[in-house]
Amino acid sequence: MMDIVGLIVQLVAGAIGGNVAGKANSKFDMGGAGNSITGAIGGLILGQILERVTGGAIPADAAATATQGLDIAGILTSLIGGGAGGAVLSGIVGMLKNR
């Protein structure tokens, strides 16, 4: 079972990262909705990659015992990966779209 808190953090951080990248440079800007959607997708992708690389993914049986509290390291990994992924993907898509 996937960690729903991590996924939500990755999506939100990605949307924020996408909007920051879009507003930082007009060449990357695709409008609020475009930045948010592209950022959320990028945040989810890079967030999941970082979670797998850093060992954030745990087996389902271990997840049942780990749900006692929120893991701050996992949330930070999702936040950083999501924000960076959102900014990067929004920058790439915005640059290609606004050529």
C-alpha atoms as a PDB file:
ATOM      1  CA  MET A   1       0.000   0.000   0.000  1.00  0.00           C
ATOM      2  CA  MET A   2       1.313   3.428  -0.923  1.00  0.00           C
ATOM      3  CA  ASP A   3       1.857   6.089   1.697  1.00  0.00           C
ATOM      4  CA  ILE A   4      -0.984   8.530   1.035  1.00  0.00           C
ATOM      5  CA  VAL A   5       0.555  11.314   3.136  1.00  0.00           C
ATOM      6  CA  GLY A   6       3.778  11.139   1.107  1.00  0.00           C
ATOM      7  CA  LEU A   7       1.846  11.235  -2.167  1.00  0.00           C
ATOM      8  CA  ILE A   8      -0.173  14.262  -1.086  1.00  0.00           C
ATOM      9  CA  VAL A   9       2.960  16.082   0.074  1.00  0.00           C
ATOM     10  CA  GLN A  10       4.680  15.301  -3.253  1.00  0.00           C
ATOM     11  CA  LEU A  11       1.712  16.566  -5.275  1.00  0.00           C
ATOM     12  CA  VAL A  12       1.316  19.784  -3.291  1.00  0.00           C
ATOM     13  CA  ALA A  13       5.058  20.493  -3.150  1.00  0.00           C
ATOM     14  CA  GLY A  14       5.304  19.801  -6.882  1.00  0.00           C
ATOM     15  CA  ALA A  15       2.477  22.220  -7.647  1.00  0.00           C
ATOM     16  CA  ILE A  16       4.157  24.891  -5.528  1.00  0.00           C
ATOM     17  CA  GLY A  17       7.538  24.203  -7.151  1.00  0.00           C
ATOM     18  CA  GLY A  18       5.961  24.407 -10.594  1.00  0.00           C
ATOM     19  CA  ASN A  19       4.401  27.776  -9.831  1.00  0.00           C
ATOM     20  CA  VAL A  20       7.648  29.119  -8.373  1.00  0.00           C
ATOM     21  CA  ALA A  21       9.545  28.056 -11.498  1.00  0.00           C
ATOM     22  CA  GLY A  22       6.885  29.574 -13.751  1.00  0.00           C
ATOM     23  CA  LYS A  23       6.854  32.894 -11.950  1.00  0.00           C
ATOM     24  CA  ALA A  24      10.650  33.041 -11.614  1.00  0.00           C
ATOM     25  CA  ASN A  25      11.138  33.202 -15.369  1.00  0.00           C
ATOM     26  CA  SER A  26       8.488  34.220 -17.887  1.00  0.00           C
ATOM     27  CA  LYS A  27       9.957  31.768 -20.414  1.00  0.00           C
ATOM     28  CA  PHE A  28       8.798  28.911 -18.166  1.00  0.00           C
ATOM     29  CA  ASP A  29       5.368  30.316 -17.250  1.00  0.00           C
ATOM     30  CA  MET A  30       2.355  28.350 -18.498  1.00  0.00           C
ATOM     31  CA  GLY A  31      -0.220  30.087 -16.335  1.00  0.00           C
ATOM     32  CA  GLY A  32      -1.386  29.071 -12.884  1.00  0.00           C
ATOM     33  CA  ALA A  33      -3.204  25.879 -13.866  1.00  0.00           C
ATOM     34  CA  GLY A  34      -0.500  24.728 -16.278  1.00  0.00           C
ATOM     35  CA  ASN A  35       2.265  25.328 -13.754  1.00  0.00           C
ATOM     36  CA  SER A  36       0.312  23.561 -11.004  1.00  0.00           C
ATOM     37  CA  ILE A  37      -0.596  20.482 -13.041  1.00  0.00           C
ATOM     38  CA  THR A  38       2.848  20.055 -14.571  1.00  0.00           C
ATOM     39  CA  GLY A  39       4.473  20.713 -11.213  1.00  0.00           C
ATOM     40  CA  ALA A  40       2.284  18.159  -9.439  1.00  0.00           C
ATOM     41  CA  ILE A  41       3.176  15.510 -12.023  1.00  0.00           C
ATOM     42  CA  GLY A  42       6.886  16.325 -11.769  1.00  0.00           C
ATOM     43  CA  GLY A  43       6.681  16.362  -7.991  1.00  0.00           C
ATOM     44  CA  LEU A  44       5.079  12.947  -7.911  1.00  0.00           C
ATOM     45  CA  ILE A  45       7.632  11.472 -10.308  1.00  0.00           C
ATOM     46  CA  LEU A  46      10.784  12.807  -8.625  1.00  0.00           C
ATOM     47  CA  GLY A  47       9.287  12.354  -5.177  1.00  0.00           C
ATOM     48  CA  GLN A  48       8.692   8.663  -5.874  1.00  0.00           C
ATOM     49  CA  ILE A  49      12.183   8.227  -7.307  1.00  0.00           C
ATOM     50  CA  LEU A  50      13.776   9.831  -4.247  1.00  0.00           C
ATOM     51  CA  GLU A  51      11.599   7.780  -1.927  1.00  0.00           C
ATOM     52  CA  ARG A  52      12.778   4.565  -3.587  1.00  0.00           C
ATOM     53  CA  VAL A  53      16.441   5.632  -3.633  1.00  0.00           C
ATOM     54  CA  THR A  54      16.494   6.737  -0.010  1.00  0.00           C
ATOM     55  CA  GLY A  55      14.658   3.644   1.197  1.00  0.00           C
ATOM     56  CA  GLY A  56      11.434   5.437   2.016  1.00  0.00           C
ATOM     57  CA  ALA A  57       9.333   2.639   0.590  1.00  0.00           C
ATOM     58  CA  ILE A  58       8.500  -0.051   3.109  1.00  0.00           C
ATOM     59  CA  PRO A  59       6.749  -3.399   2.703  1.00  0.00           C
ATOM     60  CA  ALA A  60       3.009  -3.536   3.418  1.00  0.00           C
ATOM     61  CA  ASP A  61       3.404  -5.571   6.620  1.00  0.00           C
ATOM     62  CA  ALA A  62       5.921  -3.089   7.986  1.00  0.00           C
ATOM     63  CA  ALA A  63       3.647  -0.206   6.967  1.00  0.00           C
ATOM     64  CA  ALA A  64       0.948  -1.453   9.298  1.00  0.00           C
ATOM     65  CA  THR A  65       3.269  -1.190  12.289  1.00  0.00           C
ATOM     66  CA  ALA A  66       4.842   2.070  11.104  1.00  0.00           C
ATOM     67  CA  THR A  67       1.584   4.015  11.041  1.00  0.00           C
ATOM     68  CA  GLN A  68       1.835   4.892  14.730  1.00  0.00           C
ATOM     69  CA  GLY A  69       3.165   8.363  13.868  1.00  0.00           C
ATOM     70  CA  LEU A  70       4.345  10.416  10.949  1.00  0.00           C
ATOM     71  CA  ASP A  71       7.931   9.923   9.847  1.00  0.00           C
ATOM     72  CA  ILE A  72       9.458  13.392   9.565  1.00  0.00           C
ATOM     73  CA  ALA A  73      12.329  12.182   7.365  1.00  0.00           C
ATOM     74  CA  GLY A  74       9.876  10.661   4.899  1.00  0.00           C
ATOM     75  CA  ILE A  75       7.820  13.834   4.807  1.00  0.00           C
ATOM     76  CA  LEU A  76      10.924  15.973   4.236  1.00  0.00           C
ATOM     77  CA  THR A  77      12.082  13.672   1.438  1.00  0.00           C
ATOM     78  CA  SER A  78       8.659  13.928  -0.198  1.00  0.00           C
ATOM     79  CA  LEU A  79       8.625  17.705   0.245  1.00  0.00           C
ATOM     80  CA  ILE A  80      12.083  18.281  -1.213  1.00  0.00           C
ATOM     81  CA  GLY A  81      11.689  15.758  -4.021  1.00  0.00           C
ATOM     82  CA  GLY A  82       8.218  16.989  -4.877  1.00  0.00           C
ATOM     83  CA  GLY A  83       9.194  20.652  -4.960  1.00  0.00           C
ATOM     84  CA  ALA A  84      12.324  20.050  -7.005  1.00  0.00           C
ATOM     85  CA  GLY A  85      10.555  17.689  -9.398  1.00  0.00           C
ATOM     86  CA  GLY A  86       7.739  20.150  -9.912  1.00  0.00           C
ATOM     87  CA  ALA A  87      10.104  23.006 -10.619  1.00  0.00           C
ATOM     88  CA  VAL A  88      12.241  20.972 -13.021  1.00  0.00           C
ATOM     89  CA  LEU A  89       9.377  19.488 -15.042  1.00  0.00           C
ATOM     90  CA  SER A  90       7.532  22.817 -15.212  1.00  0.00           C
ATOM     91  CA  GLY A  91      10.708  24.516 -16.379  1.00  0.00           C
ATOM     92  CA  ILE A  92      11.291  21.939 -19.098  1.00  0.00           C
ATOM     93  CA  VAL A  93       7.689  21.858 -20.337  1.00  0.00           C
ATOM     94  CA  GLY A  94       7.345  25.640 -20.125  1.00  0.00           C
ATOM     95  CA  MET A  95      10.568  26.179 -22.045  1.00  0.00           C
ATOM     96  CA  LEU A  96       9.470  23.765 -24.787  1.00  0.00           C
ATOM     97  CA  LYS A  97       5.953  25.228 -24.964  1.00  0.00           C
ATOM     98  CA  ASN A  98       7.104  28.851 -25.067  1.00  0.00           C
ATOM     99  CA  ARG A  99       9.851  28.509 -27.673  1.00  0.00           C
END
